[in-house]
Amino acid sequence: MSQEQKYDEGTRVLSEEELRDFDGTTIDEEGRTYDAPRYQSSQQEQDQFQTIPNMKIFLWNALSWNWKLGIAVGIVMLIIVLFALAKFIIAGAFVIILAWLVMRLLGKLFF
């Protein structure tokens, strides 16, 4: 079927470019009417296939200020917890190193 083939009542087959740009009701070969699908640009089609299924992407500018505030508070709380735990980790490492040094010193003195 050629693209220039004419049908009755002035209808014709749309080219690919016209079909992409067309927004309205179309008629298929059997005479059924339906809304034309919206075609995406080739860049959008490529981006669609490069995403991971069931993965949401949040853009910072698309978040409301409540979400931004919540994220900022969460980050601050995480930093506070890490600093609070860091002093215990460092103190524990200091105790372990000190115990190791004492055992070495006692080992040299008595063995």
C-alpha atoms as a PDB file:
ATOM      1  CA  MET A   1       0.000   0.000   0.000  1.00  0.00           C
ATOM      2  CA  SER A   2       1.590   3.291  -0.994  1.00  0.00           C
ATOM      3  CA  GLN A   3       1.559   6.356   1.213  1.00  0.00           C
ATOM      4  CA  GLU A   4      -0.228   8.360  -1.473  1.00  0.00           C
ATOM      5  CA  GLN A   5      -3.051   5.847  -1.871  1.00  0.00           C
ATOM      6  CA  LYS A   6      -6.371   7.696  -1.706  1.00  0.00           C
ATOM      7  CA  TYR A   7      -9.470   6.405   0.004  1.00  0.00           C
ATOM      8  CA  ASP A   8     -13.046   7.535  -0.360  1.00  0.00           C
ATOM      9  CA  GLU A   9     -14.154  10.809   1.270  1.00  0.00           C
ATOM     10  CA  GLY A  10     -10.674  12.360   1.048  1.00  0.00           C
ATOM     11  CA  THR A  11      -8.869  10.087   3.511  1.00  0.00           C
ATOM     12  CA  ARG A  12      -5.289   8.951   2.922  1.00  0.00           C
ATOM     13  CA  VAL A  13      -2.524   6.998   4.650  1.00  0.00           C
ATOM     14  CA  LEU A  14      -0.363   9.135   6.927  1.00  0.00           C
ATOM     15  CA  SER A  15       3.389   9.128   6.587  1.00  0.00           C
ATOM     16  CA  GLU A  16       5.491   8.250   9.651  1.00  0.00           C
ATOM     17  CA  GLU A  17       6.249  11.922  10.314  1.00  0.00           C
ATOM     18  CA  GLU A  18       2.607  12.922   9.984  1.00  0.00           C
ATOM     19  CA  LEU A  19       1.569  10.082  12.267  1.00  0.00           C
ATOM     20  CA  ARG A  20       4.036  11.226  14.935  1.00  0.00           C
ATOM     21  CA  ASP A  21       2.723  14.778  14.768  1.00  0.00           C
ATOM     22  CA  PHE A  22      -0.955  13.811  14.547  1.00  0.00           C
ATOM     23  CA  ASP A  23      -3.135  14.193  17.629  1.00  0.00           C
ATOM     24  CA  GLY A  24      -6.703  13.025  17.146  1.00  0.00           C
ATOM     25  CA  THR A  25      -8.899  10.165  16.012  1.00  0.00           C
ATOM     26  CA  THR A  26      -7.647   7.862  13.262  1.00  0.00           C
ATOM     27  CA  ILE A  27      -9.284   5.153  11.189  1.00  0.00           C
ATOM     28  CA  ASP A  28      -7.608   1.800  10.625  1.00  0.00           C
ATOM     29  CA  GLU A  29      -7.811  -0.284   7.428  1.00  0.00           C
ATOM     30  CA  GLU A  30     -11.014  -1.970   8.567  1.00  0.00           C
ATOM     31  CA  GLY A  31     -12.827   1.305   9.250  1.00  0.00           C
ATOM     32  CA  ARG A  32     -12.594   1.242  13.068  1.00  0.00           C
ATOM     33  CA  THR A  33     -11.848   4.565  14.752  1.00  0.00           C
ATOM     34  CA  TYR A  34      -9.456   5.014  17.645  1.00  0.00           C
ATOM     35  CA  ASP A  35      -7.377   7.742  19.236  1.00  0.00           C
ATOM     36  CA  ALA A  36      -3.914   8.048  17.737  1.00  0.00           C
ATOM     37  CA  PRO A  37      -1.146   6.970  20.094  1.00  0.00           C
ATOM     38  CA  ARG A  38       1.279   9.630  21.207  1.00  0.00           C
ATOM     39  CA  TYR A  39       4.707   8.872  19.812  1.00  0.00           C
ATOM     40  CA  GLN A  40       7.794   9.644  21.830  1.00  0.00           C
ATOM     41  CA  SER A  41      10.925  11.173  20.443  1.00  0.00           C
ATOM     42  CA  SER A  42      13.816   8.844  19.720  1.00  0.00           C
ATOM     43  CA  GLN A  43      15.765  10.250  22.708  1.00  0.00           C
ATOM     44  CA  GLN A  44      12.866   9.470  25.039  1.00  0.00           C
ATOM     45  CA  GLU A  45      12.626   5.968  23.583  1.00  0.00           C
ATOM     46  CA  GLN A  46      16.341   5.401  24.197  1.00  0.00           C
ATOM     47  CA  ASP A  47      16.064   6.731  27.757  1.00  0.00           C
ATOM     48  CA  GLN A  48      13.104   4.449  28.396  1.00  0.00           C
ATOM     49  CA  PHE A  49      15.140   1.342  27.564  1.00  0.00           C
ATOM     50  CA  GLN A  50      18.157   2.461  29.604  1.00  0.00           C
ATOM     51  CA  THR A  51      16.291   2.689  32.914  1.00  0.00           C
ATOM     52  CA  ILE A  52      16.026  -0.088  35.475  1.00  0.00           C
ATOM     53  CA  PRO A  53      12.506  -1.534  35.780  1.00  0.00           C
ATOM     54  CA  ASN A  54      10.585  -0.714  38.983  1.00  0.00           C
ATOM     55  CA  MET A  55      13.156   1.915  39.963  1.00  0.00           C
ATOM     56  CA  LYS A  56      11.956   5.388  40.837  1.00  0.00           C
ATOM     57  CA  ILE A  57      14.172   8.364  40.178  1.00  0.00           C
ATOM     58  CA  PHE A  58      13.635  11.373  42.410  1.00  0.00           C
ATOM     59  CA  LEU A  59      14.815  14.743  41.177  1.00  0.00           C
ATOM     60  CA  TRP A  60      15.764  17.272  43.837  1.00  0.00           C
ATOM     61  CA  ASN A  61      13.833  20.079  42.104  1.00  0.00           C
ATOM     62  CA  ALA A  62      10.713  17.905  41.870  1.00  0.00           C
ATOM     63  CA  LEU A  63      10.567  17.305  45.646  1.00  0.00           C
ATOM     64  CA  SER A  64       8.392  19.464  47.845  1.00  0.00           C
ATOM     65  CA  TRP A  65       9.995  21.516  50.594  1.00  0.00           C
ATOM     66  CA  ASN A  66       8.655  19.048  53.201  1.00  0.00           C
ATOM     67  CA  TRP A  67      10.642  16.227  51.591  1.00  0.00           C
ATOM     68  CA  LYS A  68      13.742  18.417  51.278  1.00  0.00           C
ATOM     69  CA  LEU A  69      13.479  19.369  54.952  1.00  0.00           C
ATOM     70  CA  GLY A  70      13.009  15.727  55.939  1.00  0.00           C
ATOM     71  CA  ILE A  71      16.039  14.626  53.936  1.00  0.00           C
ATOM     72  CA  ALA A  72      18.166  17.416  55.442  1.00  0.00           C
ATOM     73  CA  VAL A  73      17.095  16.486  58.989  1.00  0.00           C
ATOM     74  CA  GLY A  74      17.805  12.799  58.260  1.00  0.00           C
ATOM     75  CA  ILE A  75      21.311  13.585  57.001  1.00  0.00           C
ATOM     76  CA  VAL A  76      22.038  15.756  60.049  1.00  0.00           C
ATOM     77  CA  MET A  77      20.798  12.983  62.377  1.00  0.00           C
ATOM     78  CA  LEU A  78      22.956  10.419  60.568  1.00  0.00           C
ATOM     79  CA  ILE A  79      26.037  12.614  60.972  1.00  0.00           C
ATOM     80  CA  ILE A  80      25.290  13.143  64.678  1.00  0.00           C
ATOM     81  CA  VAL A  81      24.885   9.390  65.240  1.00  0.00           C
ATOM     82  CA  LEU A  82      28.117   8.643  63.380  1.00  0.00           C
ATOM     83  CA  PHE A  83      30.037  11.190  65.441  1.00  0.00           C
ATOM     84  CA  ALA A  84      28.489   9.842  68.667  1.00  0.00           C
ATOM     85  CA  LEU A  85      29.440   6.276  67.769  1.00  0.00           C
ATOM     86  CA  ALA A  86      32.867   7.289  66.481  1.00  0.00           C
ATOM     87  CA  LYS A  87      34.106   8.247  69.936  1.00  0.00           C
ATOM     88  CA  PHE A  88      33.081   4.806  71.263  1.00  0.00           C
ATOM     89  CA  ILE A  89      34.748   3.056  68.340  1.00  0.00           C
ATOM     90  CA  ILE A  90      37.954   5.046  68.840  1.00  0.00           C
ATOM     91  CA  ALA A  91      37.857   4.456  72.615  1.00  0.00           C
ATOM     92  CA  GLY A  92      37.307   0.725  72.046  1.00  0.00           C
ATOM     93  CA  ALA A  93      40.186   0.546  69.595  1.00  0.00           C
ATOM     94  CA  PHE A  94      42.391   2.420  72.087  1.00  0.00           C
ATOM     95  CA  VAL A  95      41.500  -0.064  74.863  1.00  0.00           C
ATOM     96  CA  ILE A  96      42.206  -3.046  72.621  1.00  0.00           C
ATOM     97  CA  ILE A  97      45.578  -1.638  71.515  1.00  0.00           C
ATOM     98  CA  LEU A  98      46.475  -0.796  75.104  1.00  0.00           C
ATOM     99  CA  ALA A  99      45.541  -4.324  76.268  1.00  0.00           C
ATOM    100  CA  TRP A 100      47.630  -5.807  73.436  1.00  0.00           C
ATOM    101  CA  LEU A 101      50.648  -3.692  74.451  1.00  0.00           C
ATOM    102  CA  VAL A 102      50.266  -4.686  78.136  1.00  0.00           C
ATOM    103  CA  MET A 103      50.070  -8.388  77.199  1.00  0.00           C
ATOM    104  CA  ARG A 104      53.215  -8.071  75.079  1.00  0.00           C
ATOM    105  CA  LEU A 105      55.018  -6.313  77.903  1.00  0.00           C
ATOM    106  CA  LEU A 106      53.910  -8.957  80.429  1.00  0.00           C
ATOM    107  CA  GLY A 107      54.835 -11.697  78.004  1.00  0.00           C
ATOM    108  CA  LYS A 108      58.362 -10.349  77.666  1.00  0.00           C
ATOM    109  CA  LEU A 109      58.762  -9.895  81.410  1.00  0.00           C
ATOM    110  CA  PHE A 110      57.515 -13.335  82.484  1.00  0.00           C
ATOM    111  CA  PHE A 111      58.264 -15.611  79.542  1.00  0.00           C
END
